[in-house]
Amino acid sequence: MTLRSIMCRLILLGLSGIFVTMAPSQAAVPEQCIQHKKRIKACPHQLYRADKLPSQKELRLICICVTDFQPLLQRPGDEQQRIEQNMLRRQYLAQFGDDLPVILAILQHHR
């Protein structure tokens, strides 16, 4: 065997080892974070959690954009803030359905 063929085999062996170790970690990362449908920019504060939403069949890693749900986690200070929070909650219920209470429980560390 020539030195060149040995080097080629070592390089191929090393590259295949890298791809094998990378594959499981990439499969575990969620494809997309749960976020407001109008979000354009990347979410500045994400939370990753292993849990099961009602819309899912099995336990999996979930990514939630905490920034988008922050207004629903705060207590309204006055009547106007309460009305705005209720309107936002209705929008999120339309978007996430039965998953919304579970998402909020995860963010409040109740799950």
Protein backbone atom coordinates (compact mmCIF):
# COMPACT_ATOMS: atom_id res chain seq x y z
CA MET A 1 0.00 0.00 0.00
CA THR A 2 1.25 3.44 -0.84
CA LEU A 3 1.51 6.30 1.60
CA ARG A 4 -1.14 8.21 -0.34
CA SER A 5 -3.73 5.41 -0.10
CA ILE A 6 -3.07 5.06 3.64
CA MET A 7 -3.59 8.80 4.15
CA CYS A 8 -6.82 8.73 2.10
CA ARG A 9 -8.19 5.85 4.17
CA LEU A 10 -7.31 7.61 7.44
CA ILE A 11 -9.01 10.80 6.30
CA LEU A 12 -12.14 8.91 5.22
CA LEU A 13 -12.21 7.01 8.50
CA GLY A 14 -11.90 10.25 10.46
CA LEU A 15 -14.65 11.98 8.47
CA SER A 16 -17.03 9.06 8.82
CA GLY A 17 -16.43 9.08 12.58
CA ILE A 18 -17.28 12.77 12.73
CA PHE A 19 -20.54 12.30 10.81
CA VAL A 20 -21.58 9.36 12.98
CA THR A 21 -21.08 11.33 16.20
CA MET A 22 -22.89 14.39 14.84
CA ALA A 23 -26.03 12.61 13.61
CA PRO A 24 -27.64 11.72 16.96
CA SER A 25 -27.19 15.20 18.40
CA GLN A 26 -28.76 16.85 15.36
CA ALA A 27 -31.74 14.53 15.44
CA ALA A 28 -32.56 15.57 19.01
CA VAL A 29 -32.77 19.31 18.27
CA PRO A 30 -36.25 20.59 17.38
CA GLU A 31 -36.70 21.82 13.83
CA GLN A 32 -38.48 25.00 14.89
CA CYS A 33 -39.19 26.80 18.15
CA ILE A 34 -42.73 27.39 19.35
CA GLN A 35 -43.15 31.11 18.79
CA HIS A 36 -45.62 33.77 17.69
CA LYS A 37 -46.53 33.31 14.04
CA LYS A 38 -45.58 36.92 13.23
CA ARG A 39 -42.02 36.61 14.55
CA ILE A 40 -39.53 37.49 11.82
CA LYS A 41 -36.22 37.78 13.68
CA ALA A 42 -34.52 35.06 15.70
CA CYS A 43 -35.87 34.64 19.21
CA PRO A 44 -33.52 36.25 21.78
CA HIS A 45 -34.54 33.94 24.65
CA GLN A 46 -35.24 30.27 23.98
CA LEU A 47 -36.00 27.48 26.42
CA TYR A 48 -35.34 23.84 25.57
CA ARG A 49 -37.26 21.25 27.54
CA ALA A 50 -38.02 17.56 27.21
CA ASP A 51 -41.79 17.29 27.52
CA LYS A 52 -44.93 16.19 25.68
CA LEU A 53 -47.53 18.58 24.37
CA PRO A 54 -51.15 17.43 23.85
CA SER A 55 -50.61 17.64 20.08
CA GLN A 56 -47.64 15.25 20.26
CA LYS A 57 -47.67 11.48 20.55
CA GLU A 58 -44.45 11.09 22.50
CA LEU A 59 -41.99 12.84 24.76
CA ARG A 60 -39.52 14.98 22.80
CA LEU A 61 -37.29 18.02 23.05
CA ILE A 62 -39.32 21.21 22.74
CA CYS A 63 -37.98 24.68 21.98
CA ILE A 64 -40.10 27.62 23.20
CA CYS A 65 -39.46 31.30 22.48
CA VAL A 66 -39.83 32.69 26.01
CA THR A 67 -39.86 36.28 24.73
CA ASP A 68 -43.11 35.73 22.81
CA PHE A 69 -44.94 34.30 25.82
CA GLN A 70 -43.60 36.77 28.42
CA PRO A 71 -46.69 39.05 28.29
CA LEU A 72 -48.90 36.09 29.27
CA LEU A 73 -46.71 35.25 32.28
CA GLN A 74 -46.94 38.68 33.93
CA ARG A 75 -49.76 39.92 36.13
CA PRO A 76 -51.62 42.82 34.53
CA GLY A 77 -51.20 46.08 36.44
CA ASP A 78 -54.47 47.69 35.41
CA GLU A 79 -57.67 47.05 33.45
CA GLN A 80 -56.13 48.05 30.10
CA GLN A 81 -53.25 45.57 30.54
CA ARG A 82 -55.72 42.86 31.53
CA ILE A 83 -57.74 43.44 28.35
CA GLU A 84 -54.60 43.39 26.19
CA GLN A 85 -53.43 40.20 27.88
CA ASN A 86 -56.80 38.52 27.28
CA MET A 87 -56.71 39.51 23.60
CA LEU A 88 -53.20 38.12 23.26
CA ARG A 89 -54.23 34.92 25.05
CA ARG A 90 -57.07 34.46 22.52
CA GLN A 91 -54.63 34.92 19.63
CA TYR A 92 -52.29 32.34 21.12
CA LEU A 93 -55.18 29.94 21.78
CA ALA A 94 -56.12 30.21 18.10
CA GLN A 95 -52.53 29.47 17.09
CA PHE A 96 -51.56 26.78 19.64
CA GLY A 97 -54.91 25.38 20.83
CA ASP A 98 -54.68 22.83 23.64
CA ASP A 99 -50.89 23.17 23.72
CA LEU A 100 -51.03 26.71 25.17
CA PRO A 101 -51.76 25.77 28.82
CA VAL A 102 -48.92 23.22 28.75
CA ILE A 103 -46.53 25.74 27.16
CA LEU A 104 -47.37 28.29 29.85
CA ALA A 105 -46.97 25.67 32.60
CA ILE A 106 -43.52 24.79 31.25
CA LEU A 107 -42.52 28.47 31.20
CA GLN A 108 -43.79 28.94 34.77
CA HIS A 109 -41.76 25.88 35.83
CA HIS A 110 -44.90 24.00 36.88
CA ARG A 111 -44.02 21.05 34.63
